PDB file of all heavy atoms in Angstrom:
ATOM      1  N   LYS A   1      52.117  94.971  77.039  1.00  0.00           N
ATOM      2  CA  LYS A   1      52.191  93.626  77.621  1.00  0.00           C
ATOM      3  C   LYS A   1      53.620  93.217  77.969  1.00  0.00           C
ATOM      4  O   LYS A   1      54.013  92.056  77.831  1.00  0.00           O
ATOM      5  CB  LYS A   1      51.552  92.599  76.673  1.00  0.00           C
ATOM      6  CG  LYS A   1      50.075  92.845  76.425  1.00  0.00           C
ATOM      7  CD  LYS A   1      49.474  91.811  75.494  1.00  0.00           C
ATOM      8  CE  LYS A   1      47.994  92.080  75.250  1.00  0.00           C
ATOM      9  NZ  LYS A   1      47.394  91.074  74.332  1.00  0.00           N
ATOM     10  N   ARG A   2      54.404  94.224  78.400  1.00  0.00           N
ATOM     11  CA  ARG A   2      55.753  93.954  78.878  1.00  0.00           C
ATOM     12  C   ARG A   2      55.762  94.102  80.399  1.00  0.00           C
ATOM     13  O   ARG A   2      55.218  95.067  80.944  1.00  0.00           O
ATOM     14  CB  ARG A   2      56.747  94.929  78.260  1.00  0.00           C
ATOM     15  CG  ARG A   2      56.812  94.874  76.749  1.00  0.00           C
ATOM     16  CD  ARG A   2      57.574  93.673  76.251  1.00  0.00           C
ATOM     17  NE  ARG A   2      58.979  93.712  76.637  1.00  0.00           N
ATOM     18  CZ  ARG A   2      59.870  92.795  76.306  1.00  0.00           C
ATOM     19  NH1 ARG A   2      59.498  91.736  75.610  1.00  0.00           N
ATOM     20  NH2 ARG A   2      61.133  92.913  76.677  1.00  0.00           N
ATOM     21  N   LYS A   3      56.348  93.153  81.096  1.00  0.00           N
ATOM     22  CA  LYS A   3      56.370  93.201  82.555  1.00  0.00           C
ATOM     23  C   LYS A   3      57.198  94.391  83.044  1.00  0.00           C
ATOM     24  O   LYS A   3      58.230  94.716  82.483  1.00  0.00           O
ATOM     25  CB  LYS A   3      56.966  91.904  83.115  1.00  0.00           C
ATOM     26  CG  LYS A   3      56.074  90.687  82.935  1.00  0.00           C
ATOM     27  CD  LYS A   3      56.722  89.468  83.576  1.00  0.00           C
ATOM     28  CE  LYS A   3      55.827  88.248  83.427  1.00  0.00           C
ATOM     29  NZ  LYS A   3      56.446  87.044  84.046  1.00  0.00           N
ATOM     30  N   ILE A   4      56.711  95.011  84.098  1.00  0.00           N
ATOM     31  CA  ILE A   4      57.439  96.117  84.718  1.00  0.00           C
ATOM     32  C   ILE A   4      58.229  95.546  85.891  1.00  0.00           C
ATOM     33  O   ILE A   4      57.665  95.152  86.905  1.00  0.00           O
ATOM     34  CB  ILE A   4      56.483  97.224  85.199  1.00  0.00           C
ATOM     35  CG1 ILE A   4      55.717  97.818  84.019  1.00  0.00           C
ATOM     36  CG2 ILE A   4      57.254  98.318  85.934  1.00  0.00           C
ATOM     37  CD1 ILE A   4      54.674  98.851  84.420  1.00  0.00           C
ATOM     38  N   LEU A   5      59.544  95.493  85.736  1.00  0.00           N
ATOM     39  CA  LEU A   5      60.428  94.971  86.777  1.00  0.00           C
ATOM     40  C   LEU A   5      61.068  96.143  87.510  1.00  0.00           C
ATOM     41  O   LEU A   5      61.742  96.976  86.893  1.00  0.00           O
ATOM     42  CB  LEU A   5      61.490  94.066  86.164  1.00  0.00           C
ATOM     43  CG  LEU A   5      60.966  92.872  85.350  1.00  0.00           C
ATOM     44  CD1 LEU A   5      62.114  92.119  84.713  1.00  0.00           C
ATOM     45  CD2 LEU A   5      60.139  91.946  86.238  1.00  0.00           C
ATOM     46  N   LEU A   6      60.861  96.209  88.806  1.00  0.00           N
ATOM     47  CA  LEU A   6      61.338  97.353  89.579  1.00  0.00           C
ATOM     48  C   LEU A   6      62.827  97.273  89.903  1.00  0.00           C
ATOM     49  O   LEU A   6      63.496  98.306  90.024  1.00  0.00           O
ATOM     50  CB  LEU A   6      60.527  97.476  90.880  1.00  0.00           C
ATOM     51  CG  LEU A   6      59.033  97.777  90.705  1.00  0.00           C
ATOM     52  CD1 LEU A   6      58.359  97.871  92.075  1.00  0.00           C
ATOM     53  CD2 LEU A   6      58.826  99.075  89.938  1.00  0.00           C
ATOM     54  N   LEU A   7      63.366  96.069  90.067  1.00  0.00           N
ATOM     55  CA  LEU A   7      64.770  95.928  90.463  1.00  0.00           C
ATOM     56  C   LEU A   7      65.734  96.575  89.465  1.00  0.00           C
ATOM     57  O   LEU A   7      66.662  97.278  89.874  1.00  0.00           O
ATOM     58  CB  LEU A   7      65.117  94.457  90.675  1.00  0.00           C
ATOM     59  CG  LEU A   7      66.550  94.176  91.170  1.00  0.00           C
ATOM     60  CD1 LEU A   7      66.805  94.900  92.496  1.00  0.00           C
ATOM     61  CD2 LEU A   7      66.783  92.676  91.317  1.00  0.00           C
ATOM     62  N   PRO A   8      65.554  96.374  88.132  1.00  0.00           N
ATOM     63  CA  PRO A   8      66.460  97.045  87.189  1.00  0.00           C
ATOM     64  C   PRO A   8      66.404  98.564  87.312  1.00  0.00           C
ATOM     65  O   PRO A   8      67.446  99.232  87.230  1.00  0.00           O
ATOM     66  CB  PRO A   8      65.954  96.581  85.812  1.00  0.00           C
ATOM     67  CG  PRO A   8      65.289  95.276  86.083  1.00  0.00           C
ATOM     68  CD  PRO A   8      64.647  95.445  87.424  1.00  0.00           C
ATOM     69  N   HIS A   9      65.206  99.130  87.527  1.00  0.00           N
ATOM     70  CA  HIS A   9      65.083 100.573  87.697  1.00  0.00           C
ATOM     71  C   HIS A   9      65.767 101.022  88.988  1.00  0.00           C
ATOM     72  O   HIS A   9      66.467 102.045  89.009  1.00  0.00           O
ATOM     73  CB  HIS A   9      63.606 100.980  87.727  1.00  0.00           C
ATOM     74  CG  HIS A   9      62.937 100.944  86.384  1.00  0.00           C
ATOM     75  ND1 HIS A   9      63.091 101.939  85.449  1.00  0.00           N
ATOM     76  CD2 HIS A   9      62.120 100.020  85.835  1.00  0.00           C
ATOM     77  CE1 HIS A   9      62.391 101.641  84.377  1.00  0.00           C
ATOM     78  NE2 HIS A   9      61.793 100.475  84.584  1.00  0.00           N
ATOM     79  N   LEU A  10      65.568 100.250  90.050  1.00  0.00           N
ATOM     80  CA  LEU A  10      66.159 100.604  91.339  1.00  0.00           C
ATOM     81  C   LEU A  10      67.687 100.573  91.269  1.00  0.00           C
ATOM     82  O   LEU A  10      68.357 101.507  91.739  1.00  0.00           O
ATOM     83  CB  LEU A  10      65.666  99.631  92.419  1.00  0.00           C
ATOM     84  CG  LEU A  10      66.205  99.861  93.842  1.00  0.00           C
ATOM     85  CD1 LEU A  10      65.801 101.234  94.345  1.00  0.00           C
ATOM     86  CD2 LEU A  10      65.698  98.767  94.787  1.00  0.00           C
ATOM     87  N   SER A  11      68.243  99.523  90.669  1.00  0.00           N
ATOM     88  CA  SER A  11      69.695  99.424  90.558  1.00  0.00           C
ATOM     89  C   SER A  11      70.244 100.522  89.657  1.00  0.00           C
ATOM     90  O   SER A  11      71.333 101.066  89.905  1.00  0.00           O
ATOM     91  CB  SER A  11      70.101  98.044  90.027  1.00  0.00           C
ATOM     92  OG  SER A  11      69.578  97.813  88.733  1.00  0.00           O
ATOM     93  N   LEU A  12      69.487 100.873  88.624  1.00  0.00           N
ATOM     94  CA  LEU A  12      69.896 101.962  87.738  1.00  0.00           C
ATOM     95  C   LEU A  12      69.939 103.289  88.486  1.00  0.00           C
ATOM     96  O   LEU A  12      70.893 104.072  88.357  1.00  0.00           O
ATOM     97  CB  LEU A  12      68.933 102.051  86.549  1.00  0.00           C
ATOM     98  CG  LEU A  12      69.180 103.172  85.545  1.00  0.00           C
ATOM     99  CD1 LEU A  12      70.485 102.941  84.809  1.00  0.00           C
ATOM    100  CD2 LEU A  12      68.030 103.265  84.554  1.00  0.00           C
ATOM    101  N   TRP A  13      68.909 103.546  89.277  1.00  0.00           N
ATOM    102  CA  TRP A  13      68.843 104.788  90.060  1.00  0.00           C
ATOM    103  C   TRP A  13      70.026 104.887  91.036  1.00  0.00           C
ATOM    104  O   TRP A  13      70.655 105.936  91.150  1.00  0.00           O
ATOM    105  CB  TRP A  13      67.521 104.856  90.816  1.00  0.00           C
ATOM    106  CG  TRP A  13      66.414 105.442  90.002  1.00  0.00           C
ATOM    107  CD1 TRP A  13      65.878 104.939  88.856  1.00  0.00           C
ATOM    108  CD2 TRP A  13      65.720 106.658  90.271  1.00  0.00           C
ATOM    109  NE1 TRP A  13      64.883 105.750  88.398  1.00  0.00           N
ATOM    110  CE2 TRP A  13      64.758 106.824  89.247  1.00  0.00           C
ATOM    111  CE3 TRP A  13      65.793 107.614  91.280  1.00  0.00           C
ATOM    112  CZ2 TRP A  13      63.896 107.909  89.197  1.00  0.00           C
ATOM    113  CZ3 TRP A  13      64.931 108.698  91.235  1.00  0.00           C
ATOM    114  CH2 TRP A  13      64.007 108.841  90.200  1.00  0.00           C
ATOM    115  N   ILE A  14      70.294 103.797  91.735  1.00  0.00           N
ATOM    116  CA  ILE A  14      71.393 103.796  92.710  1.00  0.00           C
ATOM    117  C   ILE A  14      72.717 104.082  92.005  1.00  0.00           C
ATOM    118  O   ILE A  14      73.521 104.912  92.455  1.00  0.00           O
ATOM    119  CB  ILE A  14      71.456 102.449  93.458  1.00  0.00           C
ATOM    120  CG1 ILE A  14      70.210 102.281  94.340  1.00  0.00           C
ATOM    121  CG2 ILE A  14      72.728 102.357  94.304  1.00  0.00           C
ATOM    122  CD1 ILE A  14      70.087 100.900  94.974  1.00  0.00           C
ATOM    123  N   PHE A  15      72.936 103.407  90.890  1.00  0.00           N
ATOM    124  CA  PHE A  15      74.181 103.577  90.149  1.00  0.00           C
ATOM    125  C   PHE A  15      74.344 105.008  89.633  1.00  0.00           C
ATOM    126  O   PHE A  15      75.399 105.629  89.796  1.00  0.00           O
ATOM    127  CB  PHE A  15      74.222 102.593  88.978  1.00  0.00           C
ATOM    128  CG  PHE A  15      75.389 102.799  88.056  1.00  0.00           C
ATOM    129  CD1 PHE A  15      76.648 102.354  88.405  1.00  0.00           C
ATOM    130  CD2 PHE A  15      75.218 103.444  86.844  1.00  0.00           C
ATOM    131  CE1 PHE A  15      77.739 102.541  87.566  1.00  0.00           C
ATOM    132  CE2 PHE A  15      76.295 103.646  85.995  1.00  0.00           C
ATOM    133  CZ  PHE A  15      77.554 103.194  86.354  1.00  0.00           C
ATOM    134  N   VAL A  16      73.300 105.545  89.003  1.00  0.00           N
ATOM    135  CA  VAL A  16      73.373 106.883  88.403  1.00  0.00           C
ATOM    136  C   VAL A  16      73.563 107.954  89.477  1.00  0.00           C
ATOM    137  O   VAL A  16      74.414 108.844  89.340  1.00  0.00           O
ATOM    138  CB  VAL A  16      72.112 107.172  87.574  1.00  0.00           C
ATOM    139  CG1 VAL A  16      72.074 108.639  87.131  1.00  0.00           C
ATOM    140  CG2 VAL A  16      72.050 106.255  86.360  1.00  0.00           C
ATOM    141  N   ILE A  17      72.783 107.886  90.537  1.00  0.00           N
ATOM    142  CA  ILE A  17      72.869 108.912  91.583  1.00  0.00           C
ATOM    143  C   ILE A  17      74.228 108.886  92.270  1.00  0.00           C
ATOM    144  O   ILE A  17      74.845 109.936  92.502  1.00  0.00           O
ATOM    145  CB  ILE A  17      71.728 108.735  92.608  1.00  0.00           C
ATOM    146  CG1 ILE A  17      70.387 109.081  91.945  1.00  0.00           C
ATOM    147  CG2 ILE A  17      71.948 109.632  93.827  1.00  0.00           C
ATOM    148  CD1 ILE A  17      69.171 108.821  92.824  1.00  0.00           C
ATOM    149  N   ILE A  18      74.724 107.687  92.598  1.00  0.00           N
ATOM    150  CA  ILE A  18      76.042 107.594  93.237  1.00  0.00           C
ATOM    151  C   ILE A  18      77.123 108.129  92.307  1.00  0.00           C
ATOM    152  O   ILE A  18      78.047 108.838  92.732  1.00  0.00           O
ATOM    153  CB  ILE A  18      76.338 106.142  93.653  1.00  0.00           C
ATOM    154  CG1 ILE A  18      75.430 105.727  94.818  1.00  0.00           C
ATOM    155  CG2 ILE A  18      77.806 105.982  94.047  1.00  0.00           C
ATOM    156  CD1 ILE A  18      75.610 104.296  95.259  1.00  0.00           C
ATOM    157  N   SER A  19      77.017 107.824  91.006  1.00  0.00           N
ATOM    158  CA  SER A  19      78.003 108.331  90.046  1.00  0.00           C
ATOM    159  C   SER A  19      78.013 109.852  90.010  1.00  0.00           C
ATOM    160  O   SER A  19      79.081 110.477  89.950  1.00  0.00           O
ATOM    161  CB  SER A  19      77.700 107.791  88.636  1.00  0.00           C
ATOM    162  OG  SER A  19      77.808 106.385  88.593  1.00  0.00           O
ATOM    163  N   CYS A  20      76.839 110.452  90.065  1.00  0.00           N
ATOM    164  CA  CYS A  20      76.744 111.918  90.035  1.00  0.00           C
ATOM    165  C   CYS A  20      77.232 112.549  91.332  1.00  0.00           C
ATOM    166  O   CYS A  20      77.777 113.657  91.330  1.00  0.00           O
ATOM    167  CB  CYS A  20      75.306 112.349  89.751  1.00  0.00           C
ATOM    168  SG  CYS A  20      74.742 111.970  88.065  1.00  0.00           S
ATOM    169  N   LEU A  21      77.051 111.853  92.439  1.00  0.00           N
ATOM    170  CA  LEU A  21      77.472 112.404  93.732  1.00  0.00           C
ATOM    171  C   LEU A  21      78.985 112.531  93.847  1.00  0.00           C
ATOM    172  O   LEU A  21      79.485 113.272  94.694  1.00  0.00           O
ATOM    173  CB  LEU A  21      76.939 111.532  94.870  1.00  0.00           C
ATOM    174  CG  LEU A  21      75.426 111.586  95.118  1.00  0.00           C
ATOM    175  CD1 LEU A  21      75.040 110.639  96.245  1.00  0.00           C
ATOM    176  CD2 LEU A  21      74.972 113.002  95.430  1.00  0.00           C
ATOM    177  N   PHE A  22      79.717 111.809  92.984  1.00  0.00           N
ATOM    178  CA  PHE A  22      81.177 111.906  93.014  1.00  0.00           C
ATOM    179  C   PHE A  22      81.660 113.249  92.467  1.00  0.00           C
ATOM    180  O   PHE A  22      82.846 113.559  92.568  1.00  0.00           O
ATOM    181  CB  PHE A  22      81.804 110.760  92.213  1.00  0.00           C
ATOM    182  CG  PHE A  22      81.932 109.483  92.992  1.00  0.00           C
ATOM    183  CD1 PHE A  22      81.079 108.421  92.759  1.00  0.00           C
ATOM    184  CD2 PHE A  22      82.906 109.346  93.973  1.00  0.00           C
ATOM    185  CE1 PHE A  22      81.197 107.243  93.469  1.00  0.00           C
ATOM    186  CE2 PHE A  22      83.032 108.162  94.688  1.00  0.00           C
ATOM    187  CZ  PHE A  22      82.171 107.110  94.440  1.00  0.00           C
ATOM    188  N   ILE A  23      80.732 114.014  91.869  1.00  0.00           N
ATOM    189  CA  ILE A  23      81.093 115.342  91.360  1.00  0.00           C
ATOM    190  C   ILE A  23      80.287 116.369  92.155  1.00  0.00           C
ATOM    191  O   ILE A  23      79.153 116.701  91.801  1.00  0.00           O
ATOM    192  CB  ILE A  23      80.788 115.462  89.856  1.00  0.00           C
ATOM    193  CG1 ILE A  23      81.469 114.323  89.092  1.00  0.00           C
ATOM    194  CG2 ILE A  23      81.271 116.802  89.311  1.00  0.00           C
ATOM    195  CD1 ILE A  23      81.139 114.276  87.627  1.00  0.00           C
ATOM    196  N   PRO A  24      80.802 116.864  93.280  1.00  0.00           N
ATOM    197  CA  PRO A  24      80.055 117.797  94.148  1.00  0.00           C
ATOM    198  C   PRO A  24      79.624 119.060  93.386  1.00  0.00           C
ATOM    199  O   PRO A  24      80.348 119.571  92.539  1.00  0.00           O
ATOM    200  CB  PRO A  24      81.071 118.139  95.249  1.00  0.00           C
ATOM    201  CG  PRO A  24      82.059 117.019  95.223  1.00  0.00           C
ATOM    202  CD  PRO A  24      82.154 116.594  93.790  1.00  0.00           C
ATOM    203  N   GLU A  25      78.423 119.517  93.716  1.00  0.00           N
ATOM    204  CA  GLU A  25      77.889 120.706  93.044  1.00  0.00           C
ATOM    205  C   GLU A  25      76.862 121.377  93.968  1.00  0.00           C
ATOM    206  O   GLU A  25      75.903 120.747  94.404  1.00  0.00           O
ATOM    207  CB  GLU A  25      77.227 120.311  91.711  1.00  0.00           C
ATOM    208  CG  GLU A  25      76.634 121.479  90.953  1.00  0.00           C
ATOM    209  CD  GLU A  25      75.892 121.012  89.712  1.00  0.00           C
ATOM    210  OE1 GLU A  25      76.008 119.820  89.333  1.00  0.00           O
ATOM    211  OE2 GLU A  25      75.176 121.846  89.120  1.00  0.00           O
TER     212      GLU A  25
END
């Protein structure tokens, strides 16, 4: 019975992926 909020997940994904892209592989 906890609401599923998509915005926190979306912002987390953007942040994590961009952070990883700074290290080319």
